[in-house]
Amino acid sequence: MRFSLSKYLFFILIVFCSLNNLYAQGTGDPGIGIIDFRTRENYFDINEASLGFLYSLSSDEMRPFTFASKHSSSLMFGYTKSLNERLIVDSKFLISYITGPLANNLNFSDIITSVNYKIFRSENERFNLMITSGIKVPLTQAMDQAGAIPLPMTYQTSLGTFDLFSALGISYRGGEMIIGAQTPVLSINRNQFLGYGPPLEKYLPSFHLKRGSDLFSRFSWRFYLFKDSFWIMPLGQLFIRINPDKYKNPFINEYIQNDLSQFFPTIQLNISMGVNLNDRFSISLHGGVSDDDSRMDGLNRPIFGRLIASLKL
């Protein structure tokens, strides 16, 4: 029954995406989109280090895999520790390298820390309810340049905003539903890009960018094969920007809104799989696709993936 239901839900998600002109947040902002909420797990004894490689591809001229394509690669170092049977803390540190027709940029990205609290776990461990809260700390001010030319946000390794996020998670058997929000509370973004002549006119101005807040939801269904040593999980994530992005016009000293970013649904369609090689070591692979979209914050990365190796300490 679990296998049949998961295939059915995955099929519905694919049909929904194909019938709607939706766009994805992509992987430009790690934030809440890459948090593993671990609603299905027992929190009693988690002590785990992880190393991840994140990759994404987009095309500045809408021609993927050509000379105009932009590649973003990130190393992610993670550590997860349970404090008791109800509480775990998870931290991630990212370094990113972005290469494309405009420039090559290597820099620190963000630190993401979250706290998960298990509100309820049924005796048969099939039903779980948890809440999570966290913060994303930027490690740059998003003002990297190519020579003397300011780079647009799509070439920056961090959005330059301190973000708070919180979510409610429910899991039953292999299914998981997450509903939450992520909001910038402080911006140190000092990006200088305003837009120039060809070929830079395709990039939206992002001078001192102020991002809007996002509502977030995720649905996934995980099922196991080969005596629980291998799992596969279709996953969909939906973001809704509830207030518009803004950039500053330094000539009039006022912020200009990007009204197209407000109340615009964005979606990712992912598939994840993992294998437990032994009692301590596991590897997971996550891939996804989305449509392309022009946004001030540069989150226009339609092909993305993650490879994560985890070791129980």
C-alpha atoms as a PDB file:
ATOM      1  CA  MET A   1       0.000   0.000   0.000  1.00  0.00           C
ATOM      2  CA  ARG A   2       2.827   2.406   0.836  1.00  0.00           C
ATOM      3  CA  PHE A   3       4.496   1.813  -2.514  1.00  0.00           C
ATOM      4  CA  SER A   4       1.295   2.254  -4.510  1.00  0.00           C
ATOM      5  CA  LEU A   5       0.269   5.429  -2.691  1.00  0.00           C
ATOM      6  CA  SER A   6       3.693   7.021  -3.149  1.00  0.00           C
ATOM      7  CA  LYS A   7       3.654   6.333  -6.908  1.00  0.00           C
ATOM      8  CA  TYR A   8       0.167   7.810  -7.179  1.00  0.00           C
ATOM      9  CA  LEU A   9       1.086  11.007  -5.303  1.00  0.00           C
ATOM     10  CA  PHE A  10       4.267  11.408  -7.332  1.00  0.00           C
ATOM     11  CA  PHE A  11       2.287  11.048 -10.578  1.00  0.00           C
ATOM     12  CA  ILE A  12      -0.223  13.710  -9.466  1.00  0.00           C
ATOM     13  CA  LEU A  13       2.641  16.089  -8.641  1.00  0.00           C
ATOM     14  CA  ILE A  14       4.202  15.627 -12.096  1.00  0.00           C
ATOM     15  CA  VAL A  15       0.867  16.278 -13.817  1.00  0.00           C
ATOM     16  CA  PHE A  16       0.265  19.389 -11.713  1.00  0.00           C
ATOM     17  CA  CYS A  17       3.676  20.808 -12.632  1.00  0.00           C
ATOM     18  CA  SER A  18       3.216  20.109 -16.330  1.00  0.00           C
ATOM     19  CA  LEU A  19      -0.115  21.941 -16.448  1.00  0.00           C
ATOM     20  CA  ASN A  20       1.010  25.091 -14.650  1.00  0.00           C
ATOM     21  CA  ASN A  21       3.605  27.728 -15.497  1.00  0.00           C
ATOM     22  CA  LEU A  22       5.371  27.524 -12.138  1.00  0.00           C
ATOM     23  CA  TYR A  23       8.922  28.490 -11.289  1.00  0.00           C
ATOM     24  CA  ALA A  24      11.388  27.207  -8.737  1.00  0.00           C
ATOM     25  CA  GLN A  25      13.343  28.839  -6.013  1.00  0.00           C
ATOM     26  CA  GLY A  26      16.250  26.732  -7.162  1.00  0.00           C
ATOM     27  CA  THR A  27      19.257  26.301  -4.937  1.00  0.00           C
ATOM     28  CA  GLY A  28      20.502  29.847  -4.848  1.00  0.00           C
ATOM     29  CA  ASP A  29      19.353  30.260  -1.244  1.00  0.00           C
ATOM     30  CA  PRO A  30      19.971  27.191   0.913  1.00  0.00           C
ATOM     31  CA  GLY A  31      17.758  28.264   3.821  1.00  0.00           C
ATOM     32  CA  ILE A  32      14.712  26.236   4.713  1.00  0.00           C
ATOM     33  CA  GLY A  33      14.691  24.500   1.339  1.00  0.00           C
ATOM     34  CA  ILE A  34      17.538  22.099   2.185  1.00  0.00           C
ATOM     35  CA  ILE A  35      16.706  21.404   5.836  1.00  0.00           C
ATOM     36  CA  ASP A  36      16.114  17.746   6.686  1.00  0.00           C
ATOM     37  CA  PHE A  37      13.404  17.954   9.326  1.00  0.00           C
ATOM     38  CA  ARG A  38      13.843  14.304  10.431  1.00  0.00           C
ATOM     39  CA  THR A  39      10.237  13.921  11.534  1.00  0.00           C
ATOM     40  CA  ARG A  40      10.353  10.149  10.966  1.00  0.00           C
ATOM     41  CA  GLU A  41      13.423   9.517  13.139  1.00  0.00           C
ATOM     42  CA  ASN A  42      13.873   8.668  16.780  1.00  0.00           C
ATOM     43  CA  TYR A  43      15.804  11.568  18.349  1.00  0.00           C
ATOM     44  CA  PHE A  44      17.200   9.546  21.226  1.00  0.00           C
ATOM     45  CA  ASP A  45      20.766   8.985  19.972  1.00  0.00           C
ATOM     46  CA  ILE A  46      21.765  11.129  16.952  1.00  0.00           C
ATOM     47  CA  ASN A  47      25.394  12.217  16.694  1.00  0.00           C
ATOM     48  CA  GLU A  48      26.272  12.654  13.040  1.00  0.00           C
ATOM     49  CA  ALA A  49      28.734  14.508  10.810  1.00  0.00           C
ATOM     50  CA  SER A  50      28.089  15.009   7.091  1.00  0.00           C
ATOM     51  CA  LEU A  51      29.877  16.256   4.004  1.00  0.00           C
ATOM     52  CA  GLY A  52      27.829  17.365   1.036  1.00  0.00           C
ATOM     53  CA  PHE A  53      28.422  18.525  -2.518  1.00  0.00           C
ATOM     54  CA  LEU A  54      25.734  20.754  -4.045  1.00  0.00           C
ATOM     55  CA  TYR A  55      25.546  21.506  -7.751  1.00  0.00           C
ATOM     56  CA  SER A  56      23.220  23.557  -9.914  1.00  0.00           C
ATOM     57  CA  LEU A  57      23.069  24.665 -13.521  1.00  0.00           C
ATOM     58  CA  SER A  58      21.329  27.571 -15.205  1.00  0.00           C
ATOM     59  CA  SER A  59      21.717  29.444 -18.464  1.00  0.00           C
ATOM     60  CA  ASP A  60      21.881  33.201 -18.761  1.00  0.00           C
ATOM     61  CA  GLU A  61      20.669  32.947 -22.338  1.00  0.00           C
ATOM     62  CA  MET A  62      18.155  30.156 -21.744  1.00  0.00           C
ATOM     63  CA  ARG A  63      20.373  27.638 -23.541  1.00  0.00           C
ATOM     64  CA  PRO A  64      21.470  25.018 -21.004  1.00  0.00           C
ATOM     65  CA  PHE A  65      24.775  23.206 -21.514  1.00  0.00           C
ATOM     66  CA  THR A  66      26.186  25.915 -23.801  1.00  0.00           C
ATOM     67  CA  PHE A  67      29.060  28.321 -23.260  1.00  0.00           C
ATOM     68  CA  ALA A  68      26.568  30.702 -21.643  1.00  0.00           C
ATOM     69  CA  SER A  69      25.649  28.254 -18.888  1.00  0.00           C
ATOM     70  CA  LYS A  70      26.360  29.171 -15.278  1.00  0.00           C
ATOM     71  CA  HIS A  71      27.424  26.485 -12.811  1.00  0.00           C
ATOM     72  CA  SER A  72      27.206  26.750  -9.043  1.00  0.00           C
ATOM     73  CA  SER A  73      28.999  24.271  -6.779  1.00  0.00           C
ATOM     74  CA  SER A  74      29.013  24.252  -2.982  1.00  0.00           C
ATOM     75  CA  LEU A  75      30.679  22.257  -0.241  1.00  0.00           C
ATOM     76  CA  MET A  76      28.474  21.729   2.790  1.00  0.00           C
ATOM     77  CA  PHE A  77      29.797  20.645   6.182  1.00  0.00           C
ATOM     78  CA  GLY A  78      27.132  19.521   8.623  1.00  0.00           C
ATOM     79  CA  TYR A  79      26.763  18.305  12.181  1.00  0.00           C
ATOM     80  CA  THR A  80      23.633  16.990  13.898  1.00  0.00           C
ATOM     81  CA  LYS A  81      23.366  16.191  17.605  1.00  0.00           C
ATOM     82  CA  SER A  82      20.463  15.002  19.738  1.00  0.00           C
ATOM     83  CA  LEU A  83      20.207  16.640  23.164  1.00  0.00           C
ATOM     84  CA  ASN A  84      17.525  14.266  24.391  1.00  0.00           C
ATOM     85  CA  GLU A  85      14.804  12.030  22.938  1.00  0.00           C
ATOM     86  CA  ARG A  86      12.773  15.064  21.800  1.00  0.00           C
ATOM     87  CA  LEU A  87      15.359  17.671  20.783  1.00  0.00           C
ATOM     88  CA  ILE A  88      18.081  17.783  18.101  1.00  0.00           C
ATOM     89  CA  VAL A  89      20.315  20.592  16.794  1.00  0.00           C
ATOM     90  CA  ASP A  90      21.519  20.703  13.201  1.00  0.00           C
ATOM     91  CA  SER A  91      24.169  23.056  11.743  1.00  0.00           C
ATOM     92  CA  LYS A  92      25.458  23.512   8.199  1.00  0.00           C
ATOM     93  CA  PHE A  93      28.367  25.557   6.832  1.00  0.00           C
ATOM     94  CA  LEU A  94      28.631  26.276   3.092  1.00  0.00           C
ATOM     95  CA  ILE A  95      31.339  27.463   0.697  1.00  0.00           C
ATOM     96  CA  SER A  96      30.349  28.143  -2.919  1.00  0.00           C
ATOM     97  CA  TYR A  97      32.007  28.477  -6.312  1.00  0.00           C
ATOM     98  CA  ILE A  98      30.070  30.039  -9.191  1.00  0.00           C
ATOM     99  CA  THR A  99      31.433  30.023 -12.716  1.00  0.00           C
ATOM    100  CA  GLY A 100      29.877  31.399 -15.883  1.00  0.00           C
ATOM    101  CA  PRO A 101      30.349  33.745 -18.845  1.00  0.00           C
ATOM    102  CA  LEU A 102      30.607  36.823 -16.602  1.00  0.00           C
ATOM    103  CA  ALA A 103      33.028  35.653 -13.922  1.00  0.00           C
ATOM    104  CA  ASN A 104      34.315  32.927 -11.610  1.00  0.00           C
ATOM    105  CA  ASN A 105      33.534  33.567  -7.961  1.00  0.00           C
ATOM    106  CA  LEU A 106      34.654  31.561  -4.923  1.00  0.00           C
ATOM    107  CA  ASN A 107      33.566  32.663  -1.466  1.00  0.00           C
ATOM    108  CA  PHE A 108      31.930  31.660   1.786  1.00  0.00           C
ATOM    109  CA  SER A 109      28.143  31.329   1.717  1.00  0.00           C
ATOM    110  CA  ASP A 110      26.075  30.846   4.867  1.00  0.00           C
ATOM    111  CA  ILE A 111      25.775  29.110   8.214  1.00  0.00           C
ATOM    112  CA  ILE A 112      22.396  27.494   8.852  1.00  0.00           C
ATOM    113  CA  THR A 113      21.416  26.293  12.311  1.00  0.00           C
ATOM    114  CA  SER A 114      18.091  24.743  13.268  1.00  0.00           C
ATOM    115  CA  VAL A 115      16.511  23.180  16.373  1.00  0.00           C
ATOM    116  CA  ASN A 116      13.948  20.388  15.995  1.00  0.00           C
ATOM    117  CA  TYR A 117      11.572  19.498  18.823  1.00  0.00           C
ATOM    118  CA  LYS A 118       9.442  16.352  18.695  1.00  0.00           C
ATOM    119  CA  ILE A 119       6.011  17.254  20.084  1.00  0.00           C
ATOM    120  CA  PHE A 120       4.488  13.811  19.720  1.00  0.00           C
ATOM    121  CA  ARG A 121       5.528  10.305  18.679  1.00  0.00           C
ATOM    122  CA  SER A 122       3.040   7.427  18.650  1.00  0.00           C
ATOM    123  CA  GLU A 123       3.861   4.173  20.374  1.00  0.00           C
ATOM    124  CA  ASN A 124       4.073   2.309  17.068  1.00  0.00           C
ATOM    125  CA  GLU A 125       6.303   5.153  15.714  1.00  0.00           C
ATOM    126  CA  ARG A 126       4.095   5.622  12.657  1.00  0.00           C
ATOM    127  CA  PHE A 127       2.791   9.095  13.498  1.00  0.00           C
ATOM    128  CA  ASN A 128       5.058  12.016  14.463  1.00  0.00           C
ATOM    129  CA  LEU A 129       4.561  15.732  15.059  1.00  0.00           C
ATOM    130  CA  MET A 130       7.437  18.212  15.411  1.00  0.00           C
ATOM    131  CA  ILE A 131       8.331  21.889  15.200  1.00  0.00           C
ATOM    132  CA  THR A 132      11.577  23.460  14.048  1.00  0.00           C
ATOM    133  CA  SER A 133      13.085  26.929  14.262  1.00  0.00           C
ATOM    134  CA  GLY A 134      16.356  28.216  12.895  1.00  0.00           C
ATOM    135  CA  ILE A 135      18.495  30.999  11.536  1.00  0.00           C
ATOM    136  CA  LYS A 136      20.547  31.509   8.380  1.00  0.00           C
ATOM    137  CA  VAL A 137      23.625  33.702   8.864  1.00  0.00           C
ATOM    138  CA  PRO A 138      25.249  35.242   5.762  1.00  0.00           C
ATOM    139  CA  LEU A 139      29.026  35.127   5.447  1.00  0.00           C
ATOM    140  CA  THR A 140      29.301  37.799   2.732  1.00  0.00           C
ATOM    141  CA  GLN A 141      27.607  41.089   1.890  1.00  0.00           C
ATOM    142  CA  ALA A 142      26.876  39.999  -1.707  1.00  0.00           C
ATOM    143  CA  MET A 143      29.195  42.643  -3.153  1.00  0.00           C
ATOM    144  CA  ASP A 144      31.698  40.475  -5.056  1.00  0.00           C
ATOM    145  CA  GLN A 145      32.996  41.988  -8.289  1.00  0.00           C
ATOM    146  CA  ALA A 146      34.676  40.929 -11.527  1.00  0.00           C
ATOM    147  CA  GLY A 147      37.524  43.405 -11.672  1.00  0.00           C
ATOM    148  CA  ALA A 148      35.831  46.754 -11.131  1.00  0.00           C
ATOM    149  CA  ILE A 149      32.422  45.566 -12.355  1.00  0.00           C
ATOM    150  CA  PRO A 150      29.808  44.675  -9.690  1.00  0.00           C
ATOM    151  CA  LEU A 151      28.330  41.234 -10.187  1.00  0.00           C
ATOM    152  CA  PRO A 152      24.553  40.640 -10.184  1.00  0.00           C
ATOM    153  CA  MET A 153      23.012  38.512  -7.455  1.00  0.00           C
ATOM    154  CA  THR A 154      23.052  35.355  -9.568  1.00  0.00           C
ATOM    155  CA  TYR A 155      26.865  35.357  -9.214  1.00  0.00           C
ATOM    156  CA  GLN A 156      26.893  36.028  -5.468  1.00  0.00           C
ATOM    157  CA  THR A 157      27.545  33.161  -3.045  1.00  0.00           C
ATOM    158  CA  SER A 158      25.204  34.529  -0.359  1.00  0.00           C
ATOM    159  CA  LEU A 159      22.107  36.707  -0.377  1.00  0.00           C
ATOM    160  CA  GLY A 160      23.479  38.782   2.487  1.00  0.00           C
ATOM    161  CA  THR A 161      20.439  38.444   4.741  1.00  0.00           C
ATOM    162  CA  PHE A 162      19.949  37.083   8.244  1.00  0.00           C
ATOM    163  CA  ASP A 163      16.866  34.873   7.948  1.00  0.00           C
ATOM    164  CA  LEU A 164      14.667  33.312  10.597  1.00  0.00           C
ATOM    165  CA  PHE A 165      12.594  30.283   9.711  1.00  0.00           C
ATOM    166  CA  SER A 166      10.141  28.027  11.473  1.00  0.00           C
ATOM    167  CA  ALA A 167       8.025  25.072  10.438  1.00  0.00           C
ATOM    168  CA  LEU A 168       5.556  22.441  11.587  1.00  0.00           C
ATOM    169  CA  GLY A 169       6.150  18.874  10.423  1.00  0.00           C
ATOM    170  CA  ILE A 170       3.861  15.849  10.375  1.00  0.00           C
ATOM    171  CA  SER A 171       4.792  12.351   9.277  1.00  0.00           C
ATOM    172  CA  TYR A 172       2.718   9.203   8.986  1.00  0.00           C
ATOM    173  CA  ARG A 173       4.371   5.981   7.839  1.00  0.00           C
ATOM    174  CA  GLY A 174       6.552   7.090   4.891  1.00  0.00           C
ATOM    175  CA  GLY A 175       4.750  10.378   4.231  1.00  0.00           C
ATOM    176  CA  GLU A 176       5.881  13.772   5.490  1.00  0.00           C
ATOM    177  CA  MET A 177       4.243  17.200   5.239  1.00  0.00           C
ATOM    178  CA  ILE A 178       6.082  20.373   6.233  1.00  0.00           C
ATOM    179  CA  ILE A 179       4.527  23.856   6.428  1.00  0.00           C
ATOM    180  CA  GLY A 180       6.625  26.850   7.400  1.00  0.00           C
ATOM    181  CA  ALA A 181       7.953  30.320   6.661  1.00  0.00           C
ATOM    182  CA  GLN A 182      11.311  31.997   6.120  1.00  0.00           C
ATOM    183  CA  THR A 183      11.739  35.723   6.603  1.00  0.00           C
ATOM    184  CA  PRO A 184      14.750  38.071   6.420  1.00  0.00           C
ATOM    185  CA  VAL A 185      15.125  39.998   9.667  1.00  0.00           C
ATOM    186  CA  LEU A 186      18.328  41.906   8.887  1.00  0.00           C
ATOM    187  CA  SER A 187      20.018  42.682   5.588  1.00  0.00           C
ATOM    188  CA  ILE A 188      23.744  43.317   5.210  1.00  0.00           C
ATOM    189  CA  ASN A 189      23.431  43.065   1.430  1.00  0.00           C
ATOM    190  CA  ARG A 190      25.593  45.756  -0.170  1.00  0.00           C
ATOM    191  CA  ASN A 191      25.340  44.561  -3.745  1.00  0.00           C
ATOM    192  CA  GLN A 192      26.241  47.318  -6.231  1.00  0.00           C
ATOM    193  CA  PHE A 193      24.655  45.979  -9.428  1.00  0.00           C
ATOM    194  CA  LEU A 194      22.220  48.307 -11.196  1.00  0.00           C
ATOM    195  CA  GLY A 195      22.320  46.989 -14.770  1.00  0.00           C
ATOM    196  CA  TYR A 196      24.306  48.064 -17.783  1.00  0.00           C
ATOM    197  CA  GLY A 197      24.312  47.608 -21.536  1.00  0.00           C
ATOM    198  CA  PRO A 198      24.650  44.272 -23.359  1.00  0.00           C
ATOM    199  CA  PRO A 199      25.093  41.571 -22.204  1.00  0.00           C
ATOM    200  CA  LEU A 200      24.219  42.679 -18.657  1.00  0.00           C
ATOM    201  CA  GLU A 201      20.785  44.100 -19.369  1.00  0.00           C
ATOM    202  CA  LYS A 202      19.223  40.653 -18.846  1.00  0.00           C
ATOM    203  CA  TYR A 203      20.050  40.793 -15.114  1.00  0.00           C
ATOM    204  CA  LEU A 204      17.619  42.541 -12.778  1.00  0.00           C
ATOM    205  CA  PRO A 205      19.024  45.415 -10.680  1.00  0.00           C
ATOM    206  CA  SER A 206      19.860  44.331  -7.142  1.00  0.00           C
ATOM    207  CA  PHE A 207      21.598  47.317  -5.518  1.00  0.00           C
ATOM    208  CA  HIS A 208      21.338  46.757  -1.714  1.00  0.00           C
ATOM    209  CA  LEU A 209      18.754  44.031  -2.287  1.00  0.00           C
ATOM    210  CA  LYS A 210      16.034  43.458   0.316  1.00  0.00           C
ATOM    211  CA  ARG A 211      14.359  40.096  -0.099  1.00  0.00           C
ATOM    212  CA  GLY A 212      10.753  39.335   0.708  1.00  0.00           C
ATOM    213  CA  SER A 213       9.492  36.585   3.002  1.00  0.00           C
ATOM    214  CA  ASP A 214       8.472  33.124   1.808  1.00  0.00           C
ATOM    215  CA  LEU A 215       5.782  30.712   2.867  1.00  0.00           C
ATOM    216  CA  PHE A 216       6.996  27.172   2.409  1.00  0.00           C
ATOM    217  CA  SER A 217       5.507  23.703   2.102  1.00  0.00           C
ATOM    218  CA  ARG A 218       6.988  20.305   1.336  1.00  0.00           C
ATOM    219  CA  PHE A 219       5.478  16.911   0.742  1.00  0.00           C
ATOM    220  CA  SER A 220       7.491  13.719   0.452  1.00  0.00           C
ATOM    221  CA  TRP A 221       6.948   9.998   0.604  1.00  0.00           C
ATOM    222  CA  ARG A 222       9.833   7.693   1.499  1.00  0.00           C
ATOM    223  CA  PHE A 223       9.744   3.963   0.981  1.00  0.00           C
ATOM    224  CA  TYR A 224      12.394   1.366   1.707  1.00  0.00           C
ATOM    225  CA  LEU A 225      13.770  -1.553  -0.295  1.00  0.00           C
ATOM    226  CA  PHE A 226      16.220  -4.373   0.422  1.00  0.00           C
ATOM    227  CA  LYS A 227      15.507  -4.797   4.129  1.00  0.00           C
ATOM    228  CA  ASP A 228      15.570  -1.055   4.836  1.00  0.00           C
ATOM    229  CA  SER A 229      19.116  -0.608   3.506  1.00  0.00           C
ATOM    230  CA  PHE A 230      17.976   1.449   0.473  1.00  0.00           C
ATOM    231  CA  TRP A 231      15.309   4.140   0.289  1.00  0.00           C
ATOM    232  CA  ILE A 232      13.849   6.323  -2.449  1.00  0.00           C
ATOM    233  CA  MET A 233      11.741   9.452  -1.948  1.00  0.00           C
ATOM    234  CA  PRO A 234       9.832  11.699  -4.378  1.00  0.00           C
ATOM    235  CA  LEU A 235       9.545  15.224  -3.014  1.00  0.00           C
ATOM    236  CA  GLY A 236       7.863  18.478  -3.953  1.00  0.00           C
ATOM    237  CA  GLN A 237       8.524  21.923  -2.454  1.00  0.00           C
ATOM    238  CA  LEU A 238       6.360  25.001  -2.901  1.00  0.00           C
ATOM    239  CA  PHE A 239       7.342  28.599  -2.060  1.00  0.00           C
ATOM    240  CA  ILE A 240       5.100  31.655  -2.103  1.00  0.00           C
ATOM    241  CA  ARG A 241       6.726  35.086  -1.806  1.00  0.00           C
ATOM    242  CA  ILE A 242       4.346  37.073   0.399  1.00  0.00           C
ATOM    243  CA  ASN A 243       5.968  40.477   0.014  1.00  0.00           C
ATOM    244  CA  PRO A 244       8.025  41.835  -2.877  1.00  0.00           C
ATOM    245  CA  ASP A 245      11.776  42.014  -3.302  1.00  0.00           C
ATOM    246  CA  LYS A 246      13.217  45.534  -3.346  1.00  0.00           C
ATOM    247  CA  TYR A 247      16.365  47.198  -4.611  1.00  0.00           C
ATOM    248  CA  LYS A 248      17.679  50.654  -3.841  1.00  0.00           C
ATOM    249  CA  ASN A 249      17.955  53.369  -6.467  1.00  0.00           C
ATOM    250  CA  PRO A 250      20.992  55.303  -5.198  1.00  0.00           C
ATOM    251  CA  PHE A 251      20.190  58.323  -7.388  1.00  0.00           C
ATOM    252  CA  ILE A 252      16.893  59.040  -5.639  1.00  0.00           C
ATOM    253  CA  ASN A 253      17.754  57.169  -2.407  1.00  0.00           C
ATOM    254  CA  GLU A 254      14.543  55.133  -2.508  1.00  0.00           C
ATOM    255  CA  TYR A 255      13.725  51.435  -2.684  1.00  0.00           C
ATOM    256  CA  ILE A 256      11.967  50.100  -5.780  1.00  0.00           C
ATOM    257  CA  GLN A 257       9.690  47.071  -5.499  1.00  0.00           C
ATOM    258  CA  ASN A 258       9.733  44.086  -7.815  1.00  0.00           C
ATOM    259  CA  ASP A 259       5.989  43.526  -7.856  1.00  0.00           C
ATOM    260  CA  LEU A 260       6.335  40.388  -9.998  1.00  0.00           C
ATOM    261  CA  SER A 261       7.913  38.578  -7.045  1.00  0.00           C
ATOM    262  CA  GLN A 262       4.916  39.020  -4.735  1.00  0.00           C
ATOM    263  CA  PHE A 263       2.421  36.151  -4.302  1.00  0.00           C
ATOM    264  CA  PHE A 264       4.158  34.257  -7.074  1.00  0.00           C
ATOM    265  CA  PRO A 265       4.176  30.477  -6.503  1.00  0.00           C
ATOM    266  CA  THR A 266       7.475  28.734  -7.112  1.00  0.00           C
ATOM    267  CA  ILE A 267       7.966  24.988  -7.075  1.00  0.00           C
ATOM    268  CA  GLN A 268      10.657  22.321  -7.081  1.00  0.00           C
ATOM    269  CA  LEU A 269      10.212  18.731  -8.153  1.00  0.00           C
ATOM    270  CA  ASN A 270      12.836  16.467  -6.581  1.00  0.00           C
ATOM    271  CA  ILE A 271      13.732  12.819  -6.253  1.00  0.00           C
ATOM    272  CA  SER A 272      16.012  11.559  -3.487  1.00  0.00           C
ATOM    273  CA  MET A 273      17.552   8.190  -2.737  1.00  0.00           C
ATOM    274  CA  GLY A 274      19.941   6.827  -0.157  1.00  0.00           C
ATOM    275  CA  VAL A 275      21.733   3.716   0.975  1.00  0.00           C
ATOM    276  CA  ASN A 276      22.911   2.649   4.432  1.00  0.00           C
ATOM    277  CA  LEU A 277      26.262   0.973   3.789  1.00  0.00           C
ATOM    278  CA  ASN A 278      26.566  -0.138   7.402  1.00  0.00           C
ATOM    279  CA  ASP A 279      25.405   0.885  10.871  1.00  0.00           C
ATOM    280  CA  ARG A 280      27.444   4.118  10.768  1.00  0.00           C
ATOM    281  CA  PHE A 281      27.915   5.261   7.172  1.00  0.00           C
ATOM    282  CA  SER A 282      25.276   6.318   4.624  1.00  0.00           C
ATOM    283  CA  ILE A 283      25.161   8.107   1.282  1.00  0.00           C
ATOM    284  CA  SER A 284      22.233  10.022  -0.211  1.00  0.00           C
ATOM    285  CA  LEU A 285      21.678  11.555  -3.643  1.00  0.00           C
ATOM    286  CA  HIS A 286      19.151  14.320  -4.298  1.00  0.00           C
ATOM    287  CA  GLY A 287      18.250  15.673  -7.737  1.00  0.00           C
ATOM    288  CA  GLY A 288      15.647  18.106  -9.016  1.00  0.00           C
ATOM    289  CA  VAL A 289      14.408  20.204 -11.887  1.00  0.00           C
ATOM    290  CA  SER A 290      12.466  23.405 -12.214  1.00  0.00           C
ATOM    291  CA  ASP A 291      11.642  26.074 -14.738  1.00  0.00           C
ATOM    292  CA  ASP A 292      13.749  29.221 -15.126  1.00  0.00           C
ATOM    293  CA  ASP A 293      12.725  32.660 -13.898  1.00  0.00           C
ATOM    294  CA  SER A 294      14.201  36.128 -13.628  1.00  0.00           C
ATOM    295  CA  ARG A 295      14.463  37.239 -10.021  1.00  0.00           C
ATOM    296  CA  MET A 296      16.430  39.952  -8.296  1.00  0.00           C
ATOM    297  CA  ASP A 297      17.939  37.450  -5.886  1.00  0.00           C
ATOM    298  CA  GLY A 298      19.369  35.287  -8.672  1.00  0.00           C
ATOM    299  CA  LEU A 299      17.535  32.087  -7.734  1.00  0.00           C
ATOM    300  CA  ASN A 300      17.117  30.898 -11.316  1.00  0.00           C
ATOM    301  CA  ARG A 301      18.767  27.490 -11.271  1.00  0.00           C
ATOM    302  CA  PRO A 302      16.584  24.932 -13.052  1.00  0.00           C
ATOM    303  CA  ILE A 303      18.810  21.842 -12.632  1.00  0.00           C
ATOM    304  CA  PHE A 304      20.255  20.990  -9.253  1.00  0.00           C
ATOM    305  CA  GLY A 305      21.510  18.096  -7.161  1.00  0.00           C
ATOM    306  CA  ARG A 306      23.156  17.138  -3.875  1.00  0.00           C
ATOM    307  CA  LEU A 307      25.415  14.265  -2.847  1.00  0.00           C
ATOM    308  CA  ILE A 308      25.726  13.828   0.921  1.00  0.00           C
ATOM    309  CA  ALA A 309      27.822  11.379   2.916  1.00  0.00           C
ATOM    310  CA  SER A 310      26.910  10.970   6.601  1.00  0.00           C
ATOM    311  CA  LEU A 311      28.881   9.313   9.399  1.00  0.00           C
ATOM    312  CA  LYS A 312      27.467   8.449  12.810  1.00  0.00           C
ATOM    313  CA  LEU A 313      29.995   9.384  15.484  1.00  0.00           C
END
